[in-house]
Amino acid sequence: MPRRLFKRYMPDPEYLKGHPTLRHLGQVLHDPNLWHLNRHSVSRAMAMGLFAAFIPIPMQMLLAASLAVISRANLPISVGLVWLTNPITMPPVFYCTYQLGSWILQTPSMVMPDELTWAWISAELSTLWQPFLLGSVITGLLAAALGYGLTMTYWRWWVRHNWRKRQEARRQR
């Protein structure tokens, strides 16, 4: 079952609940739904984590954790998915989200200069932020919906597949 795969890589909830930097959250981390590995909590975690991964803000992990707590999704999976957009993958991913936003707003996309400087960024920021933010939100929503749907579908398929294998094994006895 997919549960075994996720359990292998998840941190211990008791360790996280007692961690000195997280102790101030109190009862928020004691909700058992934040640690369950079932079809619904994992699917919601995929959606929350993928959405937060595409939002261009500092501390995306905090956004993912907040969304996981609100939606009662699996917290470690939600926070871990944010690292899909890491310092190596951020430039191409955010460039694509900017291009999507430019296309939707029907604005001409900016051409990158040969040398990227703070002066160019600050001068162009007033025209870049709207398509960039719109593209990021739309991409995040699409990735969240796709992640949720694929996780639910895969989980159902896996359970049915194992059920059929058990049924065949019983018939052969």
N, C-alpha and C. Protein backbone atom coordinates (compact mmCIF):
# COMPACT_ATOMS: atom_id res chain seq x y z
N MET A 1 0.84 -1.18 0.00
CA MET A 1 0.00 0.00 0.00
C MET A 1 0.89 1.24 0.00
N PRO A 2 0.44 2.35 -0.58
CA PRO A 2 1.24 3.56 -0.59
C PRO A 2 1.60 4.04 0.81
N ARG A 3 0.83 3.63 1.79
CA ARG A 3 1.07 4.07 3.17
C ARG A 3 2.47 3.67 3.62
N ARG A 4 2.90 2.46 3.27
CA ARG A 4 4.24 2.01 3.68
C ARG A 4 5.34 2.86 3.06
N LEU A 5 5.14 3.27 1.82
CA LEU A 5 6.12 4.11 1.14
C LEU A 5 6.25 5.46 1.85
N PHE A 6 5.12 6.07 2.19
CA PHE A 6 5.16 7.36 2.86
C PHE A 6 5.72 7.25 4.27
N LYS A 7 5.35 6.18 4.99
CA LYS A 7 5.82 6.02 6.37
C LYS A 7 7.33 5.88 6.45
N ARG A 8 7.91 5.31 5.42
CA ARG A 8 9.34 5.10 5.40
C ARG A 8 10.11 6.43 5.47
N TYR A 9 9.58 7.46 4.87
CA TYR A 9 10.30 8.73 4.78
C TYR A 9 9.77 9.82 5.70
N MET A 10 8.72 9.55 6.44
CA MET A 10 8.13 10.58 7.31
C MET A 10 8.86 10.67 8.64
N PRO A 11 8.97 11.89 9.17
CA PRO A 11 9.57 12.03 10.50
C PRO A 11 8.62 11.54 11.58
N ASP A 12 9.16 11.27 12.74
CA ASP A 12 8.36 10.80 13.86
C ASP A 12 7.53 11.95 14.41
N PRO A 13 6.20 11.82 14.49
CA PRO A 13 5.37 12.92 15.00
C PRO A 13 5.70 13.32 16.43
N GLU A 14 6.04 12.34 17.27
CA GLU A 14 6.35 12.65 18.66
C GLU A 14 7.62 13.51 18.77
N TYR A 15 8.58 13.24 17.91
CA TYR A 15 9.80 14.04 17.90
C TYR A 15 9.48 15.48 17.50
N LEU A 16 8.66 15.64 16.47
CA LEU A 16 8.32 16.99 16.01
C LEU A 16 7.49 17.75 17.04
N LYS A 17 6.57 17.05 17.70
CA LYS A 17 5.73 17.71 18.70
C LYS A 17 6.56 18.22 19.87
N GLY A 18 7.63 17.51 20.20
CA GLY A 18 8.47 17.90 21.33
C GLY A 18 9.66 18.75 20.95
N HIS A 19 9.83 19.04 19.68
CA HIS A 19 10.98 19.83 19.23
C HIS A 19 10.91 21.23 19.82
N PRO A 20 12.03 21.75 20.34
CA PRO A 20 12.00 23.07 21.02
C PRO A 20 11.50 24.21 20.13
N THR A 21 11.78 24.18 18.85
CA THR A 21 11.34 25.28 18.00
C THR A 21 9.87 25.18 17.62
N LEU A 22 9.26 24.01 17.80
CA LEU A 22 7.86 23.84 17.44
C LEU A 22 6.94 23.74 18.65
N ARG A 23 7.50 23.73 19.84
CA ARG A 23 6.71 23.57 21.05
C ARG A 23 5.70 24.69 21.25
N HIS A 24 6.02 25.88 20.73
CA HIS A 24 5.12 27.03 20.94
C HIS A 24 3.79 26.88 20.18
N LEU A 25 3.72 25.94 19.25
CA LEU A 25 2.48 25.74 18.51
C LEU A 25 1.42 25.01 19.33
N GLY A 26 1.83 24.41 20.41
CA GLY A 26 0.90 23.80 21.35
C GLY A 26 0.05 22.70 20.74
N GLN A 27 -1.25 22.84 20.87
CA GLN A 27 -2.19 21.79 20.46
C GLN A 27 -2.37 21.67 18.96
N VAL A 28 -1.87 22.63 18.20
CA VAL A 28 -2.03 22.57 16.74
C VAL A 28 -1.38 21.30 16.18
N LEU A 29 -0.20 20.97 16.65
CA LEU A 29 0.50 19.79 16.15
C LEU A 29 -0.02 18.48 16.74
N HIS A 30 -0.89 18.57 17.73
CA HIS A 30 -1.41 17.36 18.37
C HIS A 30 -2.65 16.82 17.68
N ASP A 31 -3.11 17.47 16.63
CA ASP A 31 -4.24 16.96 15.87
C ASP A 31 -3.79 15.71 15.12
N PRO A 32 -4.38 14.56 15.40
CA PRO A 32 -3.91 13.32 14.76
C PRO A 32 -4.10 13.31 13.25
N ASN A 33 -5.03 14.11 12.73
CA ASN A 33 -5.24 14.13 11.29
C ASN A 33 -4.05 14.69 10.53
N LEU A 34 -3.20 15.46 11.20
CA LEU A 34 -2.02 16.00 10.54
C LEU A 34 -0.96 14.94 10.31
N TRP A 35 -1.11 13.79 10.92
CA TRP A 35 -0.09 12.74 10.82
C TRP A 35 -0.62 11.47 10.19
N HIS A 36 -1.94 11.36 9.95
CA HIS A 36 -2.51 10.15 9.37
C HIS A 36 -2.07 9.98 7.93
N LEU A 37 -1.93 8.75 7.56
CA LEU A 37 -1.62 8.41 6.17
C LEU A 37 -2.80 7.66 5.58
N ASN A 38 -3.77 8.40 5.12
CA ASN A 38 -4.88 7.79 4.42
C ASN A 38 -5.10 8.53 3.11
N ARG A 39 -5.96 8.02 2.30
CA ARG A 39 -6.16 8.56 0.95
C ARG A 39 -6.51 10.04 0.99
N HIS A 40 -7.36 10.44 1.90
CA HIS A 40 -7.81 11.84 1.92
C HIS A 40 -6.74 12.79 2.45
N SER A 41 -6.07 12.41 3.52
CA SER A 41 -5.07 13.33 4.08
C SER A 41 -3.86 13.47 3.17
N VAL A 42 -3.46 12.39 2.51
CA VAL A 42 -2.32 12.46 1.60
C VAL A 42 -2.69 13.24 0.35
N SER A 43 -3.89 13.05 -0.17
CA SER A 43 -4.32 13.79 -1.35
C SER A 43 -4.41 15.28 -1.06
N ARG A 44 -4.97 15.62 0.09
CA ARG A 44 -5.03 17.05 0.46
C ARG A 44 -3.63 17.61 0.66
N ALA A 45 -2.73 16.82 1.23
CA ALA A 45 -1.35 17.28 1.42
C ALA A 45 -0.67 17.52 0.08
N MET A 46 -0.92 16.66 -0.89
CA MET A 46 -0.36 16.87 -2.23
C MET A 46 -0.86 18.19 -2.79
N ALA A 47 -2.14 18.45 -2.64
CA ALA A 47 -2.71 19.70 -3.18
C ALA A 47 -2.12 20.92 -2.47
N MET A 48 -2.06 20.88 -1.16
CA MET A 48 -1.56 22.04 -0.41
C MET A 48 -0.07 22.28 -0.67
N GLY A 49 0.70 21.21 -0.69
CA GLY A 49 2.14 21.34 -0.92
C GLY A 49 2.48 21.82 -2.32
N LEU A 50 1.77 21.27 -3.31
CA LEU A 50 2.03 21.70 -4.69
C LEU A 50 1.60 23.14 -4.92
N PHE A 51 0.49 23.53 -4.33
CA PHE A 51 0.06 24.93 -4.47
C PHE A 51 1.10 25.86 -3.86
N ALA A 52 1.54 25.56 -2.66
CA ALA A 52 2.52 26.42 -1.98
C ALA A 52 3.85 26.44 -2.70
N ALA A 53 4.20 25.36 -3.38
CA ALA A 53 5.48 25.30 -4.10
C ALA A 53 5.54 26.32 -5.23
N PHE A 54 4.41 26.65 -5.82
CA PHE A 54 4.41 27.56 -6.95
C PHE A 54 4.15 29.01 -6.57
N ILE A 55 3.90 29.28 -5.31
CA ILE A 55 3.67 30.65 -4.88
C ILE A 55 5.03 31.28 -4.55
N PRO A 56 5.37 32.40 -5.22
CA PRO A 56 6.71 32.99 -5.07
C PRO A 56 6.84 33.89 -3.84
N ILE A 57 6.82 33.28 -2.68
CA ILE A 57 7.00 34.05 -1.45
C ILE A 57 8.12 33.42 -0.63
N PRO A 58 8.75 34.22 0.21
CA PRO A 58 9.71 33.59 1.13
C PRO A 58 8.95 32.72 2.14
N MET A 59 9.60 31.72 2.62
CA MET A 59 9.04 30.81 3.62
C MET A 59 7.79 30.09 3.11
N GLN A 60 7.94 29.47 1.96
CA GLN A 60 6.84 28.70 1.38
C GLN A 60 6.43 27.54 2.30
N MET A 61 7.38 27.04 3.05
CA MET A 61 7.08 25.92 3.95
C MET A 61 6.07 26.33 5.01
N LEU A 62 6.13 27.57 5.46
CA LEU A 62 5.16 28.07 6.44
C LEU A 62 3.77 28.14 5.82
N LEU A 63 3.68 28.58 4.56
CA LEU A 63 2.40 28.59 3.86
C LEU A 63 1.86 27.17 3.72
N ALA A 64 2.70 26.23 3.33
CA ALA A 64 2.27 24.84 3.18
C ALA A 64 1.81 24.26 4.51
N ALA A 65 2.53 24.56 5.57
CA ALA A 65 2.13 24.06 6.90
C ALA A 65 0.81 24.66 7.33
N SER A 66 0.63 25.94 7.10
CA SER A 66 -0.63 26.60 7.47
C SER A 66 -1.80 26.02 6.68
N LEU A 67 -1.61 25.83 5.39
CA LEU A 67 -2.67 25.23 4.58
C LEU A 67 -2.96 23.81 5.00
N ALA A 68 -1.93 23.06 5.39
CA ALA A 68 -2.14 21.68 5.85
C ALA A 68 -2.93 21.66 7.15
N VAL A 69 -2.63 22.56 8.05
CA VAL A 69 -3.36 22.61 9.33
C VAL A 69 -4.82 22.99 9.08
N ILE A 70 -5.04 23.98 8.23
CA ILE A 70 -6.41 24.42 7.94
C ILE A 70 -7.22 23.32 7.27
N SER A 71 -6.62 22.63 6.30
CA SER A 71 -7.35 21.61 5.55
C SER A 71 -7.25 20.22 6.18
N ARG A 72 -6.52 20.11 7.29
CA ARG A 72 -6.32 18.85 8.00
C ARG A 72 -5.68 17.79 7.10
N ALA A 73 -4.66 18.26 6.38
CA ALA A 73 -3.89 17.39 5.49
C ALA A 73 -2.66 16.88 6.22
N ASN A 74 -2.00 15.92 5.65
CA ASN A 74 -0.78 15.38 6.25
C ASN A 74 0.30 16.45 6.21
N LEU A 75 0.77 16.84 7.36
CA LEU A 75 1.71 17.96 7.49
C LEU A 75 3.08 17.68 6.88
N PRO A 76 3.73 16.57 7.17
CA PRO A 76 5.07 16.36 6.59
C PRO A 76 5.07 16.29 5.07
N ILE A 77 4.07 15.67 4.50
CA ILE A 77 4.03 15.58 3.03
C ILE A 77 3.80 16.95 2.43
N SER A 78 2.91 17.71 3.01
CA SER A 78 2.62 19.05 2.49
C SER A 78 3.84 19.94 2.54
N VAL A 79 4.55 19.93 3.64
CA VAL A 79 5.74 20.77 3.78
C VAL A 79 6.87 20.26 2.89
N GLY A 80 7.01 18.97 2.77
CA GLY A 80 8.08 18.41 1.95
C GLY A 80 7.93 18.70 0.47
N LEU A 81 6.70 18.80 -0.01
CA LEU A 81 6.48 19.06 -1.43
C LEU A 81 6.91 20.45 -1.86
N VAL A 82 7.04 21.35 -0.92
CA VAL A 82 7.47 22.71 -1.25
C VAL A 82 8.85 22.70 -1.89
N TRP A 83 9.65 21.70 -1.56
CA TRP A 83 11.02 21.64 -2.07
C TRP A 83 11.09 21.23 -3.54
N LEU A 84 9.94 21.07 -4.18
CA LEU A 84 9.97 20.90 -5.64
C LEU A 84 10.55 22.14 -6.31
N THR A 85 10.24 23.29 -5.73
CA THR A 85 10.85 24.53 -6.22
C THR A 85 11.97 24.89 -5.27
N ASN A 86 13.12 24.36 -5.54
CA ASN A 86 14.31 24.63 -4.74
C ASN A 86 15.18 25.63 -5.50
N PRO A 87 16.29 26.07 -4.95
CA PRO A 87 17.10 27.08 -5.64
C PRO A 87 17.56 26.67 -7.05
N ILE A 88 17.61 25.39 -7.33
CA ILE A 88 18.01 24.96 -8.67
C ILE A 88 16.83 25.01 -9.64
N THR A 89 15.65 24.62 -9.19
CA THR A 89 14.50 24.56 -10.09
C THR A 89 13.70 25.85 -10.14
N MET A 90 13.91 26.76 -9.19
CA MET A 90 13.12 27.99 -9.17
C MET A 90 13.21 28.84 -10.43
N PRO A 91 14.40 29.13 -10.94
CA PRO A 91 14.45 30.00 -12.12
C PRO A 91 13.64 29.48 -13.31
N PRO A 92 13.80 28.21 -13.74
CA PRO A 92 12.98 27.79 -14.88
C PRO A 92 11.49 27.70 -14.57
N VAL A 93 11.15 27.26 -13.36
CA VAL A 93 9.73 27.14 -13.00
C VAL A 93 9.09 28.51 -12.96
N PHE A 94 9.73 29.46 -12.31
CA PHE A 94 9.13 30.79 -12.20
C PHE A 94 9.17 31.55 -13.53
N TYR A 95 10.11 31.24 -14.38
CA TYR A 95 10.10 31.83 -15.72
C TYR A 95 8.89 31.32 -16.50
N CYS A 96 8.61 30.04 -16.37
CA CYS A 96 7.44 29.48 -17.06
C CYS A 96 6.14 30.05 -16.50
N THR A 97 6.07 30.24 -15.19
CA THR A 97 4.87 30.84 -14.62
C THR A 97 4.71 32.29 -15.08
N TYR A 98 5.81 33.01 -15.23
CA TYR A 98 5.75 34.37 -15.76
C TYR A 98 5.26 34.36 -17.20
N GLN A 99 5.76 33.43 -18.01
CA GLN A 99 5.33 33.35 -19.41
C GLN A 99 3.83 33.02 -19.49
N LEU A 100 3.35 32.15 -18.63
CA LEU A 100 1.93 31.82 -18.60
C LEU A 100 1.10 33.05 -18.24
N GLY A 101 1.54 33.78 -17.22
CA GLY A 101 0.83 35.00 -16.82
C GLY A 101 0.84 36.05 -17.91
N SER A 102 1.94 36.19 -18.61
CA SER A 102 2.02 37.14 -19.73
C SER A 102 1.06 36.74 -20.85
N TRP A 103 0.99 35.45 -21.10
CA TRP A 103 0.10 34.97 -22.15
C TRP A 103 -1.36 35.20 -21.77
N ILE A 104 -1.72 34.94 -20.51
CA ILE A 104 -3.10 35.13 -20.07
C ILE A 104 -3.48 36.60 -20.09
N LEU A 105 -2.60 37.46 -19.60
CA LEU A 105 -2.87 38.90 -19.59
C LEU A 105 -2.66 39.55 -20.95
N GLN A 106 -2.15 38.80 -21.88
CA GLN A 106 -1.86 39.28 -23.23
C GLN A 106 -0.94 40.50 -23.21
N THR A 107 0.08 40.41 -22.39
CA THR A 107 1.10 41.45 -22.35
C THR A 107 2.37 40.88 -22.96
N PRO A 108 3.15 41.72 -23.60
CA PRO A 108 4.39 41.18 -24.17
C PRO A 108 5.34 40.77 -23.05
N SER A 109 5.93 39.61 -23.20
CA SER A 109 6.85 39.15 -22.16
C SER A 109 8.19 39.86 -22.30
N MET A 110 8.82 40.08 -21.19
CA MET A 110 10.10 40.77 -21.16
C MET A 110 11.21 39.85 -21.66
N VAL A 111 12.16 40.45 -22.29
CA VAL A 111 13.34 39.72 -22.74
C VAL A 111 14.41 39.88 -21.67
N MET A 112 14.99 38.76 -21.29
CA MET A 112 16.02 38.81 -20.25
C MET A 112 17.28 39.48 -20.81
N PRO A 113 17.89 40.35 -20.01
CA PRO A 113 19.13 40.98 -20.47
C PRO A 113 20.30 40.01 -20.41
N ASP A 114 21.39 40.40 -21.02
CA ASP A 114 22.58 39.55 -20.99
C ASP A 114 23.12 39.41 -19.58
N GLU A 115 23.05 40.51 -18.82
CA GLU A 115 23.53 40.51 -17.44
C GLU A 115 22.39 40.92 -16.52
N LEU A 116 22.03 40.05 -15.62
CA LEU A 116 20.93 40.32 -14.71
C LEU A 116 21.45 41.16 -13.54
N THR A 117 20.94 42.37 -13.40
CA THR A 117 21.38 43.27 -12.32
C THR A 117 20.18 43.70 -11.50
N TRP A 118 20.47 44.17 -10.29
CA TRP A 118 19.40 44.68 -9.42
C TRP A 118 18.74 45.90 -10.02
N ALA A 119 19.50 46.72 -10.75
CA ALA A 119 18.94 47.92 -11.39
C ALA A 119 17.89 47.52 -12.42
N TRP A 120 18.19 46.50 -13.22
CA TRP A 120 17.21 46.05 -14.22
C TRP A 120 15.99 45.45 -13.54
N ILE A 121 16.21 44.65 -12.50
CA ILE A 121 15.09 44.02 -11.80
C ILE A 121 14.19 45.07 -11.17
N SER A 122 14.77 46.06 -10.49
CA SER A 122 13.95 47.08 -9.85
C SER A 122 13.23 47.96 -10.87
N ALA A 123 13.84 48.19 -12.02
CA ALA A 123 13.19 49.00 -13.05
C ALA A 123 12.03 48.25 -13.70
N GLU A 124 12.17 46.96 -13.87
CA GLU A 124 11.16 46.16 -14.56
C GLU A 124 10.15 45.51 -13.63
N LEU A 125 10.36 45.60 -12.34
CA LEU A 125 9.50 44.91 -11.38
C LEU A 125 8.05 45.37 -11.46
N SER A 126 7.84 46.64 -11.75
CA SER A 126 6.47 47.15 -11.80
C SER A 126 5.67 46.53 -12.93
N THR A 127 6.32 46.09 -13.99
CA THR A 127 5.60 45.44 -15.09
C THR A 127 5.66 43.92 -15.01
N LEU A 128 6.59 43.39 -14.26
CA LEU A 128 6.76 41.94 -14.17
C LEU A 128 5.85 41.27 -13.15
N TRP A 129 5.53 41.94 -12.06
CA TRP A 129 4.90 41.25 -10.93
C TRP A 129 3.50 40.74 -11.23
N GLN A 130 2.71 41.46 -12.02
CA GLN A 130 1.33 41.01 -12.27
C GLN A 130 1.29 39.71 -13.07
N PRO A 131 1.96 39.62 -14.22
CA PRO A 131 1.93 38.33 -14.92
C PRO A 131 2.61 37.21 -14.14
N PHE A 132 3.65 37.55 -13.42
CA PHE A 132 4.37 36.55 -12.63
C PHE A 132 3.48 35.98 -11.53
N LEU A 133 2.80 36.84 -10.80
CA LEU A 133 1.94 36.38 -9.71
C LEU A 133 0.73 35.62 -10.25
N LEU A 134 0.12 36.13 -11.31
CA LEU A 134 -1.03 35.44 -11.89
C LEU A 134 -0.63 34.06 -12.41
N GLY A 135 0.47 33.99 -13.12
CA GLY A 135 0.94 32.70 -13.62
C GLY A 135 1.27 31.73 -12.50
N SER A 136 1.84 32.25 -11.43
CA SER A 136 2.19 31.39 -10.29
C SER A 136 0.95 30.84 -9.61
N VAL A 137 -0.06 31.68 -9.40
CA VAL A 137 -1.28 31.23 -8.75
C VAL A 137 -2.01 30.22 -9.63
N ILE A 138 -2.11 30.49 -10.92
CA ILE A 138 -2.80 29.56 -11.81
C ILE A 138 -2.05 28.23 -11.90
N THR A 139 -0.74 28.28 -12.02
CA THR A 139 0.05 27.05 -12.06
C THR A 139 -0.08 26.29 -10.75
N GLY A 140 -0.05 27.00 -9.62
CA GLY A 140 -0.23 26.35 -8.33
C GLY A 140 -1.58 25.68 -8.19
N LEU A 141 -2.63 26.35 -8.65
CA LEU A 141 -3.97 25.76 -8.58
C LEU A 141 -4.09 24.53 -9.49
N LEU A 142 -3.52 24.62 -10.69
CA LEU A 142 -3.56 23.47 -11.60
C LEU A 142 -2.75 22.30 -11.05
N ALA A 143 -1.57 22.59 -10.52
CA ALA A 143 -0.75 21.52 -9.94
C ALA A 143 -1.43 20.90 -8.73
N ALA A 144 -2.09 21.73 -7.93
CA ALA A 144 -2.80 21.22 -6.75
C ALA A 144 -3.95 20.31 -7.17
N ALA A 145 -4.72 20.73 -8.15
CA ALA A 145 -5.85 19.91 -8.61
C ALA A 145 -5.34 18.61 -9.23
N LEU A 146 -4.29 18.70 -10.02
CA LEU A 146 -3.73 17.51 -10.65
C LEU A 146 -3.13 16.56 -9.60
N GLY A 147 -2.40 17.11 -8.64
CA GLY A 147 -1.82 16.29 -7.58
C GLY A 147 -2.88 15.60 -6.74
N TYR A 148 -3.95 16.33 -6.41
CA TYR A 148 -5.04 15.75 -5.63
C TYR A 148 -5.71 14.62 -6.41
N GLY A 149 -6.05 14.90 -7.66
CA GLY A 149 -6.75 13.90 -8.47
C GLY A 149 -5.91 12.67 -8.74
N LEU A 150 -4.64 12.87 -9.08
CA LEU A 150 -3.78 11.72 -9.35
C LEU A 150 -3.51 10.88 -8.11
N THR A 151 -3.37 11.53 -6.97
CA THR A 151 -3.14 10.79 -5.73
C THR A 151 -4.36 9.96 -5.36
N MET A 152 -5.54 10.57 -5.47
CA MET A 152 -6.77 9.82 -5.17
C MET A 152 -6.93 8.64 -6.13
N THR A 153 -6.68 8.88 -7.40
CA THR A 153 -6.82 7.83 -8.40
C THR A 153 -5.81 6.70 -8.17
N TYR A 154 -4.55 7.08 -7.93
CA TYR A 154 -3.53 6.06 -7.70
C TYR A 154 -3.84 5.26 -6.44
N TRP A 155 -4.25 5.90 -5.39
CA TRP A 155 -4.53 5.20 -4.13
C TRP A 155 -5.67 4.20 -4.34
N ARG A 156 -6.73 4.64 -5.03
CA ARG A 156 -7.86 3.73 -5.30
C ARG A 156 -7.41 2.54 -6.15
N TRP A 157 -6.60 2.84 -7.19
CA TRP A 157 -6.11 1.77 -8.04
C TRP A 157 -5.30 0.78 -7.22
N TRP A 158 -4.43 1.25 -6.36
CA TRP A 158 -3.56 0.39 -5.56
C TRP A 158 -4.38 -0.51 -4.64
N VAL A 159 -5.40 0.05 -4.01
CA VAL A 159 -6.24 -0.74 -3.11
C VAL A 159 -6.99 -1.80 -3.90
N ARG A 160 -7.57 -1.42 -5.04
CA ARG A 160 -8.28 -2.40 -5.88
C ARG A 160 -7.34 -3.49 -6.38
N HIS A 161 -6.17 -3.09 -6.80
CA HIS A 161 -5.17 -4.04 -7.31
C HIS A 161 -4.82 -5.06 -6.24
N ASN A 162 -4.56 -4.60 -5.03
CA ASN A 162 -4.22 -5.53 -3.94
C ASN A 162 -5.42 -6.39 -3.54
N TRP A 163 -6.61 -5.81 -3.61
CA TRP A 163 -7.81 -6.57 -3.29
C TRP A 163 -7.98 -7.72 -4.28
N ARG A 164 -7.79 -7.44 -5.55
CA ARG A 164 -7.92 -8.49 -6.57
C ARG A 164 -6.85 -9.57 -6.39
N LYS A 165 -5.63 -9.16 -6.05
CA LYS A 165 -4.58 -10.15 -5.82
C LYS A 165 -4.94 -11.06 -4.65
N ARG A 166 -5.48 -10.48 -3.59
CA ARG A 166 -5.88 -11.31 -2.44
C ARG A 166 -7.03 -12.24 -2.81
N GLN A 167 -7.98 -11.75 -3.61
CA GLN A 167 -9.11 -12.58 -4.03
C GLN A 167 -8.63 -13.76 -4.87
N GLU A 168 -7.70 -13.50 -5.78
CA GLU A 168 -7.15 -14.58 -6.62
C GLU A 168 -6.38 -15.58 -5.79
N ALA A 169 -5.63 -15.08 -4.79
CA ALA A 169 -4.88 -15.99 -3.93
C ALA A 169 -5.82 -16.88 -3.12
N ARG A 170 -6.96 -16.34 -2.69
CA ARG A 170 -7.93 -17.14 -1.93
C ARG A 170 -8.57 -18.20 -2.81
N ARG A 171 -8.86 -17.84 -4.07
CA ARG A 171 -9.47 -18.80 -4.99
C ARG A 171 -8.54 -19.96 -5.30
N GLN A 172 -7.25 -19.69 -5.34
CA GLN A 172 -6.27 -20.72 -5.69
C GLN A 172 -6.00 -21.68 -4.53
N ARG A 173 -6.38 -21.34 -3.33
CA ARG A 173 -6.14 -22.23 -2.19
C ARG A 173 -7.05 -23.38 -2.17
